[in-house]
């Protein structure tokens, strides 16, 4: 099982803050999970943004981070401040 969290405007665009997905052994990296979510359709295109940030088990990571059953993955946009 993978727990997926969505934050900020990703949460708003997707209409959910989290979901659990059954583990798929073909997911070797965080990006494999992201690509599977992108296949869901138009509203999921927000996860295709170039500046997307992600975390695995509450630690910032890149999309090529290894993924394992039981992990928690979070997707969030970059944050800017002034």
PDB file of N, CA and C in Angstrom:
ATOM      1  N   UNK A   1       0.842  -1.174   0.000  1.00  0.00           N
ATOM      2  CA  UNK A   1       0.000   0.000   0.000  1.00  0.00           C
ATOM      3  C   UNK A   1       0.889   1.240   0.000  1.00  0.00           C
ATOM      4  N   UNK A   2       0.512   2.213  -0.788  1.00  0.00           N
ATOM      5  CA  UNK A   2       1.213   3.501  -0.833  1.00  0.00           C
ATOM      6  C   UNK A   2       0.233   4.581  -0.395  1.00  0.00           C
ATOM      7  N   UNK A   3       0.640   5.417   0.521  1.00  0.00           N
ATOM      8  CA  UNK A   3      -0.159   6.569   0.944  1.00  0.00           C
ATOM      9  C   UNK A   3       0.342   7.776   0.152  1.00  0.00           C
ATOM     10  N   UNK A   4      -0.557   8.432  -0.565  1.00  0.00           N
ATOM     11  CA  UNK A   4      -0.185   9.591  -1.384  1.00  0.00           C
ATOM     12  C   UNK A   4      -0.875  10.826  -0.820  1.00  0.00           C
ATOM     13  N   UNK A   5      -0.087  11.878  -0.597  1.00  0.00           N
ATOM     14  CA  UNK A   5      -0.593  13.146  -0.068  1.00  0.00           C
ATOM     15  C   UNK A   5      -0.481  14.222  -1.145  1.00  0.00           C
ATOM     16  N   UNK A   6      -1.467  15.101  -1.192  1.00  0.00           N
ATOM     17  CA  UNK A   6      -1.457  16.228  -2.126  1.00  0.00           C
ATOM     18  C   UNK A   6      -1.612  17.510  -1.318  1.00  0.00           C
ATOM     19  N   UNK A   7      -0.757  18.493  -1.593  1.00  0.00           N
ATOM     20  CA  UNK A   7      -0.773  19.724  -0.821  1.00  0.00           C
ATOM     21  C   UNK A   7      -1.008  20.959  -1.686  1.00  0.00           C
ATOM     22  N   UNK A   8      -1.459  22.012  -1.020  1.00  0.00           N
ATOM     23  CA  UNK A   8      -1.664  23.338  -1.610  1.00  0.00           C
ATOM     24  C   UNK A   8      -2.597  23.267  -2.819  1.00  0.00           C
ATOM     25  N   UNK A   9      -2.213  23.891  -3.912  1.00  0.00           N
ATOM     26  CA  UNK A   9      -3.130  23.938  -5.054  1.00  0.00           C
ATOM     27  C   UNK A   9      -3.295  22.583  -5.742  1.00  0.00           C
ATOM     28  N   UNK A  10      -2.398  21.649  -5.503  1.00  0.00           N
ATOM     29  CA  UNK A  10      -2.607  20.289  -6.027  1.00  0.00           C
ATOM     30  C   UNK A  10      -3.821  19.663  -5.333  1.00  0.00           C
ATOM     31  N   UNK A  11      -3.910  19.857  -4.031  1.00  0.00           N
ATOM     32  CA  UNK A  11      -5.059  19.360  -3.274  1.00  0.00           C
ATOM     33  C   UNK A  11      -6.348  19.987  -3.817  1.00  0.00           C
ATOM     34  N   UNK A  12      -6.309  21.284  -4.082  1.00  0.00           N
ATOM     35  CA  UNK A  12      -7.487  21.984  -4.602  1.00  0.00           C
ATOM     36  C   UNK A  12      -7.856  21.483  -5.998  1.00  0.00           C
ATOM     37  N   UNK A  13      -6.877  21.328  -6.872  1.00  0.00           N
ATOM     38  CA  UNK A  13      -7.143  20.902  -8.250  1.00  0.00           C
ATOM     39  C   UNK A  13      -7.686  19.473  -8.306  1.00  0.00           C
ATOM     40  N   UNK A  14      -7.216  18.621  -7.405  1.00  0.00           N
ATOM     41  CA  UNK A  14      -7.607  17.214  -7.424  1.00  0.00           C
ATOM     42  C   UNK A  14      -8.831  16.913  -6.554  1.00  0.00           C
ATOM     43  N   UNK A  15      -9.202  17.876  -5.717  1.00  0.00           N
ATOM     44  CA  UNK A  15     -10.363  17.683  -4.861  1.00  0.00           C
ATOM     45  C   UNK A  15     -10.168  16.652  -3.771  1.00  0.00           C
ATOM     46  N   UNK A  16      -8.932  16.439  -3.377  1.00  0.00           N
ATOM     47  CA  UNK A  16      -8.622  15.473  -2.311  1.00  0.00           C
ATOM     48  C   UNK A  16      -7.266  15.821  -1.712  1.00  0.00           C
ATOM     49  N   UNK A  17      -7.072  15.444  -0.483  1.00  0.00           N
ATOM     50  CA  UNK A  17      -5.775  15.704   0.142  1.00  0.00           C
ATOM     51  C   UNK A  17      -4.911  14.457   0.235  1.00  0.00           C
ATOM     52  N   UNK A  18      -5.527  13.280   0.053  1.00  0.00           N
ATOM     53  CA  UNK A  18      -4.742  12.056   0.116  1.00  0.00           C
ATOM     54  C   UNK A  18      -5.537  10.890  -0.464  1.00  0.00           C
ATOM     55  N   UNK A  19      -4.840   9.815  -0.688  1.00  0.00           N
ATOM     56  CA  UNK A  19      -5.474   8.555  -1.048  1.00  0.00           C
ATOM     57  C   UNK A  19      -4.485   7.422  -0.839  1.00  0.00           C
ATOM     58  N   UNK A  20      -5.017   6.233  -0.697  1.00  0.00           N
ATOM     59  CA  UNK A  20      -4.184   5.045  -0.577  1.00  0.00           C
ATOM     60  C   UNK A  20      -4.312   4.248  -1.858  1.00  0.00           C
ATOM     61  N   UNK A  21      -3.178   3.757  -2.338  1.00  0.00           N
ATOM     62  CA  UNK A  21      -3.159   2.951  -3.552  1.00  0.00           C
ATOM     63  C   UNK A  21      -2.554   1.592  -3.249  1.00  0.00           C
ATOM     64  N   UNK A  22      -3.116   0.586  -3.864  1.00  0.00           N
ATOM     65  CA  UNK A  22      -2.532  -0.748  -3.739  1.00  0.00           C
ATOM     66  C   UNK A  22      -1.142  -0.725  -4.360  1.00  0.00           C
ATOM     67  N   UNK A  23      -0.213  -1.384  -3.741  1.00  0.00           N
ATOM     68  CA  UNK A  23       1.168  -1.434  -4.231  1.00  0.00           C
ATOM     69  C   UNK A  23       1.213  -2.109  -5.595  1.00  0.00           C
ATOM     70  N   UNK A  24       1.986  -1.527  -6.490  1.00  0.00           N
ATOM     71  CA  UNK A  24       2.223  -2.090  -7.821  1.00  0.00           C
ATOM     72  C   UNK A  24       3.734  -2.298  -7.941  1.00  0.00           C
ATOM     73  N   UNK A  25       4.158  -3.522  -8.108  1.00  0.00           N
ATOM     74  CA  UNK A  25       5.592  -3.838  -8.145  1.00  0.00           C
ATOM     75  C   UNK A  25       6.320  -3.180  -9.304  1.00  0.00           C
ATOM     76  N   UNK A  26       5.595  -2.658 -10.297  1.00  0.00           N
ATOM     77  CA  UNK A  26       6.251  -1.969 -11.407  1.00  0.00           C
ATOM     78  C   UNK A  26       6.715  -0.567 -11.017  1.00  0.00           C
ATOM     79  N   UNK A  27       6.278  -0.075  -9.879  1.00  0.00           N
ATOM     80  CA  UNK A  27       6.700   1.248  -9.412  1.00  0.00           C
ATOM     81  C   UNK A  27       8.072   1.125  -8.754  1.00  0.00           C
ATOM     82  N   UNK A  28       9.093   1.506  -9.467  1.00  0.00           N
ATOM     83  CA  UNK A  28      10.442   1.437  -8.935  1.00  0.00           C
ATOM     84  C   UNK A  28      10.889   2.772  -8.330  1.00  0.00           C
ATOM     85  N   UNK A  29      10.334   3.867  -8.845  1.00  0.00           N
ATOM     86  CA  UNK A  29      10.702   5.214  -8.400  1.00  0.00           C
ATOM     87  C   UNK A  29       9.430   6.030  -8.180  1.00  0.00           C
ATOM     88  N   UNK A  30       9.571   7.133  -7.462  1.00  0.00           N
ATOM     89  CA  UNK A  30       8.441   8.039  -7.237  1.00  0.00           C
ATOM     90  C   UNK A  30       7.843   8.466  -8.571  1.00  0.00           C
ATOM     91  N   UNK A  31       8.673   8.665  -9.570  1.00  0.00           N
ATOM     92  CA  UNK A  31       8.161   9.105 -10.870  1.00  0.00           C
ATOM     93  C   UNK A  31       7.244   8.073 -11.514  1.00  0.00           C
ATOM     94  N   UNK A  32       7.448   6.799 -11.274  1.00  0.00           N
ATOM     95  CA  UNK A  32       6.560   5.773 -11.812  1.00  0.00           C
ATOM     96  C   UNK A  32       5.149   5.945 -11.253  1.00  0.00           C
ATOM     97  N   UNK A  33       5.059   6.252  -9.971  1.00  0.00           N
ATOM     98  CA  UNK A  33       3.768   6.518  -9.343  1.00  0.00           C
ATOM     99  C   UNK A  33       3.138   7.773  -9.940  1.00  0.00           C
ATOM    100  N   UNK A  34       3.939   8.824 -10.069  1.00  0.00           N
ATOM    101  CA  UNK A  34       3.437  10.089 -10.634  1.00  0.00           C
ATOM    102  C   UNK A  34       2.903   9.871 -12.043  1.00  0.00           C
ATOM    103  N   UNK A  35       3.624   9.137 -12.863  1.00  0.00           N
ATOM    104  CA  UNK A  35       3.178   8.878 -14.234  1.00  0.00           C
ATOM    105  C   UNK A  35       1.872   8.093 -14.258  1.00  0.00           C
ATOM    106  N   UNK A  36       1.715   7.164 -13.351  1.00  0.00           N
ATOM    107  CA  UNK A  36       0.456   6.404 -13.269  1.00  0.00           C
ATOM    108  C   UNK A  36      -0.697   7.346 -12.920  1.00  0.00           C
ATOM    109  N   UNK A  37      -0.460   8.277 -11.998  1.00  0.00           N
ATOM    110  CA  UNK A  37      -1.504   9.235 -11.635  1.00  0.00           C
ATOM    111  C   UNK A  37      -1.844  10.156 -12.807  1.00  0.00           C
ATOM    112  N   UNK A  38      -0.841  10.551 -13.578  1.00  0.00           N
ATOM    113  CA  UNK A  38      -1.073  11.405 -14.747  1.00  0.00           C
ATOM    114  C   UNK A  38      -1.984  10.731 -15.773  1.00  0.00           C
ATOM    115  N   UNK A  39      -1.953   9.411 -15.834  1.00  0.00           N
ATOM    116  CA  UNK A  39      -2.797   8.672 -16.782  1.00  0.00           C
ATOM    117  C   UNK A  39      -4.282   8.798 -16.470  1.00  0.00           C
ATOM    118  N   UNK A  40      -4.624   9.288 -15.304  1.00  0.00           N
ATOM    119  CA  UNK A  40      -6.023   9.387 -14.898  1.00  0.00           C
ATOM    120  C   UNK A  40      -6.810  10.456 -15.654  1.00  0.00           C
ATOM    121  N   UNK A  41      -6.115  11.402 -16.266  1.00  0.00           N
ATOM    122  CA  UNK A  41      -6.852  12.389 -17.049  1.00  0.00           C
ATOM    123  C   UNK A  41      -6.488  13.829 -16.746  1.00  0.00           C
ATOM    124  N   UNK A  42      -7.296  14.725 -17.294  1.00  0.00           N
ATOM    125  CA  UNK A  42      -7.003  16.160 -17.350  1.00  0.00           C
ATOM    126  C   UNK A  42      -6.681  16.806 -16.003  1.00  0.00           C
ATOM    127  N   UNK A  43      -7.498  16.587 -14.996  1.00  0.00           N
ATOM    128  CA  UNK A  43      -7.256  17.266 -13.726  1.00  0.00           C
ATOM    129  C   UNK A  43      -5.931  16.858 -13.093  1.00  0.00           C
ATOM    130  N   UNK A  44      -5.448  15.677 -13.443  1.00  0.00           N
ATOM    131  CA  UNK A  44      -4.197  15.173 -12.883  1.00  0.00           C
ATOM    132  C   UNK A  44      -2.974  15.790 -13.557  1.00  0.00           C
ATOM    133  N   UNK A  45      -3.171  16.580 -14.594  1.00  0.00           N
ATOM    134  CA  UNK A  45      -2.060  17.224 -15.313  1.00  0.00           C
ATOM    135  C   UNK A  45      -1.230  18.117 -14.399  1.00  0.00           C
ATOM    136  N   UNK A  46      -1.791  18.567 -13.281  1.00  0.00           N
ATOM    137  CA  UNK A  46      -1.014  19.399 -12.355  1.00  0.00           C
ATOM    138  C   UNK A  46       0.235  18.668 -11.861  1.00  0.00           C
ATOM    139  N   UNK A  47       0.177  17.349 -11.838  1.00  0.00           N
ATOM    140  CA  UNK A  47       1.346  16.581 -11.388  1.00  0.00           C
ATOM    141  C   UNK A  47       2.414  16.460 -12.473  1.00  0.00           C
ATOM    142  N   UNK A  48       2.143  17.057 -13.632  1.00  0.00           N
ATOM    143  CA  UNK A  48       3.113  17.073 -14.714  1.00  0.00           C
ATOM    144  C   UNK A  48       3.895  18.369 -14.782  1.00  0.00           C
ATOM    145  N   UNK A  49       3.642  19.267 -13.856  1.00  0.00           N
ATOM    146  CA  UNK A  49       4.345  20.546 -13.853  1.00  0.00           C
ATOM    147  C   UNK A  49       5.846  20.358 -13.644  1.00  0.00           C
ATOM    148  N   UNK A  50       6.599  21.203 -14.310  1.00  0.00           N
ATOM    149  CA  UNK A  50       8.055  21.111 -14.258  1.00  0.00           C
ATOM    150  C   UNK A  50       8.612  21.360 -12.854  1.00  0.00           C
ATOM    151  N   UNK A  51       7.968  22.221 -12.088  1.00  0.00           N
ATOM    152  CA  UNK A  51       8.498  22.590 -10.772  1.00  0.00           C
ATOM    153  C   UNK A  51       7.894  21.792  -9.625  1.00  0.00           C
ATOM    154  N   UNK A  52       7.278  20.673  -9.916  1.00  0.00           N
ATOM    155  CA  UNK A  52       6.680  19.838  -8.887  1.00  0.00           C
ATOM    156  C   UNK A  52       7.734  19.407  -7.868  1.00  0.00           C
ATOM    157  N   UNK A  53       7.342  19.420  -6.621  1.00  0.00           N
ATOM    158  CA  UNK A  53       8.229  18.930  -5.560  1.00  0.00           C
ATOM    159  C   UNK A  53       7.606  17.681  -4.966  1.00  0.00           C
ATOM    160  N   UNK A  54       8.440  16.835  -4.387  1.00  0.00           N
ATOM    161  CA  UNK A  54       7.920  15.610  -3.793  1.00  0.00           C
ATOM    162  C   UNK A  54       8.735  15.239  -2.555  1.00  0.00           C
ATOM    163  N   UNK A  55       8.113  14.395  -1.756  1.00  0.00           N
ATOM    164  CA  UNK A  55       8.768  13.878  -0.559  1.00  0.00           C
ATOM    165  C   UNK A  55       8.406  12.399  -0.440  1.00  0.00           C
ATOM    166  N   UNK A  56       9.331  11.633   0.053  1.00  0.00           N
ATOM    167  CA  UNK A  56       9.101  10.211   0.351  1.00  0.00           C
ATOM    168  C   UNK A  56       9.336  10.015   1.836  1.00  0.00           C
ATOM    169  N   UNK A  57       8.344   9.503   2.517  1.00  0.00           N
ATOM    170  CA  UNK A  57       8.415   9.280   3.962  1.00  0.00           C
ATOM    171  C   UNK A  57       8.857  10.545   4.704  1.00  0.00           C
ATOM    172  N   UNK A  58       8.253  11.659   4.291  1.00  0.00           N
ATOM    173  CA  UNK A  58       8.410  12.978   4.917  1.00  0.00           C
ATOM    174  C   UNK A  58       9.803  13.580   4.766  1.00  0.00           C
ATOM    175  N   UNK A  59      10.541  13.141   3.738  1.00  0.00           N
ATOM    176  CA  UNK A  59      11.828  13.755   3.421  1.00  0.00           C
ATOM    177  C   UNK A  59      11.832  14.161   1.962  1.00  0.00           C
ATOM    178  N   UNK A  60      12.217  15.413   1.690  1.00  0.00           N
ATOM    179  CA  UNK A  60      12.269  15.880   0.311  1.00  0.00           C
ATOM    180  C   UNK A  60      13.103  14.934  -0.535  1.00  0.00           C
ATOM    181  N   UNK A  61      12.659  14.732  -1.759  1.00  0.00           N
ATOM    182  CA  UNK A  61      13.389  13.826  -2.646  1.00  0.00           C
ATOM    183  C   UNK A  61      13.175  14.260  -4.088  1.00  0.00           C
ATOM    184  N   UNK A  62      13.851  13.586  -4.990  1.00  0.00           N
ATOM    185  CA  UNK A  62      13.652  13.814  -6.417  1.00  0.00           C
ATOM    186  C   UNK A  62      12.742  12.718  -6.953  1.00  0.00           C
ATOM    187  N   UNK A  63      12.288  12.887  -8.170  1.00  0.00           N
ATOM    188  CA  UNK A  63      11.386  11.915  -8.773  1.00  0.00           C
ATOM    189  C   UNK A  63      12.048  10.559  -9.009  1.00  0.00           C
ATOM    190  N   UNK A  64      13.376  10.512  -9.024  1.00  0.00           N
ATOM    191  CA  UNK A  64      14.044   9.228  -9.220  1.00  0.00           C
ATOM    192  C   UNK A  64      14.329   8.489  -7.902  1.00  0.00           C
ATOM    193  N   UNK A  65      13.743   8.978  -6.814  1.00  0.00           N
ATOM    194  CA  UNK A  65      13.876   8.321  -5.506  1.00  0.00           C
ATOM    195  C   UNK A  65      13.256   6.924  -5.568  1.00  0.00           C
ATOM    196  N   UNK A  66      13.946   5.901  -5.060  1.00  0.00           N
ATOM    197  CA  UNK A  66      13.372   4.555  -5.033  1.00  0.00           C
ATOM    198  C   UNK A  66      12.074   4.533  -4.221  1.00  0.00           C
ATOM    199  N   UNK A  67      11.152   3.692  -4.632  1.00  0.00           N
ATOM    200  CA  UNK A  67       9.846   3.592  -3.992  1.00  0.00           C
ATOM    201  C   UNK A  67       9.642   2.160  -3.509  1.00  0.00           C
ATOM    202  N   UNK A  68       9.029   2.009  -2.347  1.00  0.00           N
ATOM    203  CA  UNK A  68       8.787   0.669  -1.799  1.00  0.00           C
ATOM    204  C   UNK A  68       7.380   0.587  -1.213  1.00  0.00           C
ATOM    205  N   UNK A  69       6.872  -0.614  -1.156  1.00  0.00           N
ATOM    206  CA  UNK A  69       5.574  -0.856  -0.542  1.00  0.00           C
ATOM    207  C   UNK A  69       5.586  -0.302   0.881  1.00  0.00           C
ATOM    208  N   UNK A  70       4.524   0.413   1.256  1.00  0.00           N
ATOM    209  CA  UNK A  70       4.430   0.989   2.589  1.00  0.00           C
ATOM    210  C   UNK A  70       4.894   2.427   2.679  1.00  0.00           C
ATOM    211  N   UNK A  71       5.477   2.960   1.608  1.00  0.00           N
ATOM    212  CA  UNK A  71       5.951   4.346   1.622  1.00  0.00           C
ATOM    213  C   UNK A  71       4.795   5.335   1.612  1.00  0.00           C
ATOM    214  N   UNK A  72       5.107   6.535   2.074  1.00  0.00           N
ATOM    215  CA  UNK A  72       4.212   7.681   1.952  1.00  0.00           C
ATOM    216  C   UNK A  72       4.880   8.648   0.977  1.00  0.00           C
ATOM    217  N   UNK A  73       4.131   9.104  -0.013  1.00  0.00           N
ATOM    218  CA  UNK A  73       4.649  10.044  -1.002  1.00  0.00           C
ATOM    219  C   UNK A  73       3.782  11.298  -0.977  1.00  0.00           C
ATOM    220  N   UNK A  74       4.423  12.447  -1.004  1.00  0.00           N
ATOM    221  CA  UNK A  74       3.698  13.715  -1.043  1.00  0.00           C
ATOM    222  C   UNK A  74       4.120  14.501  -2.271  1.00  0.00           C
ATOM    223  N   UNK A  75       3.132  15.129  -2.901  1.00  0.00           N
ATOM    224  CA  UNK A  75       3.386  16.009  -4.042  1.00  0.00           C
ATOM    225  C   UNK A  75       2.905  17.403  -3.675  1.00  0.00           C
ATOM    226  N   UNK A  76       3.720  18.413  -3.998  1.00  0.00           N
ATOM    227  CA  UNK A  76       3.348  19.784  -3.689  1.00  0.00           C
ATOM    228  C   UNK A  76       4.066  20.733  -4.641  1.00  0.00           C
ATOM    229  N   UNK A  77       3.448  21.888  -4.892  1.00  0.00           N
ATOM    230  CA  UNK A  77       4.093  22.859  -5.774  1.00  0.00           C
ATOM    231  C   UNK A  77       5.205  23.588  -5.028  1.00  0.00           C
ATOM    232  N   UNK A  78       6.096  24.193  -5.789  1.00  0.00           N
ATOM    233  CA  UNK A  78       7.126  25.023  -5.155  1.00  0.00           C
ATOM    234  C   UNK A  78       6.446  26.180  -4.461  1.00  0.00           C
ATOM    235  N   UNK A  79       7.053  26.661  -3.419  1.00  0.00           N
ATOM    236  CA  UNK A  79       6.499  27.748  -2.649  1.00  0.00           C
ATOM    237  C   UNK A  79       7.382  28.979  -2.847  1.00  0.00           C
ATOM    238  N   UNK A  80       6.755  30.079  -3.150  1.00  0.00           N
ATOM    239  CA  UNK A  80       7.505  31.335  -3.267  1.00  0.00           C
ATOM    240  C   UNK A  80       7.002  32.291  -2.219  1.00  0.00           C
ATOM    241  N   UNK A  81       7.834  33.169  -1.799  1.00  0.00           N
ATOM    242  CA  UNK A  81       7.461  34.138  -0.776  1.00  0.00           C
ATOM    243  C   UNK A  81       8.030  35.487  -1.105  1.00  0.00           C
ATOM    244  N   UNK A  82       7.579  36.454  -0.388  1.00  0.00           N
ATOM    245  CA  UNK A  82       8.062  37.800  -0.669  1.00  0.00           C
ATOM    246  C   UNK A  82       8.411  38.553   0.563  1.00  0.00           C
TER     247      UNK A  82
END
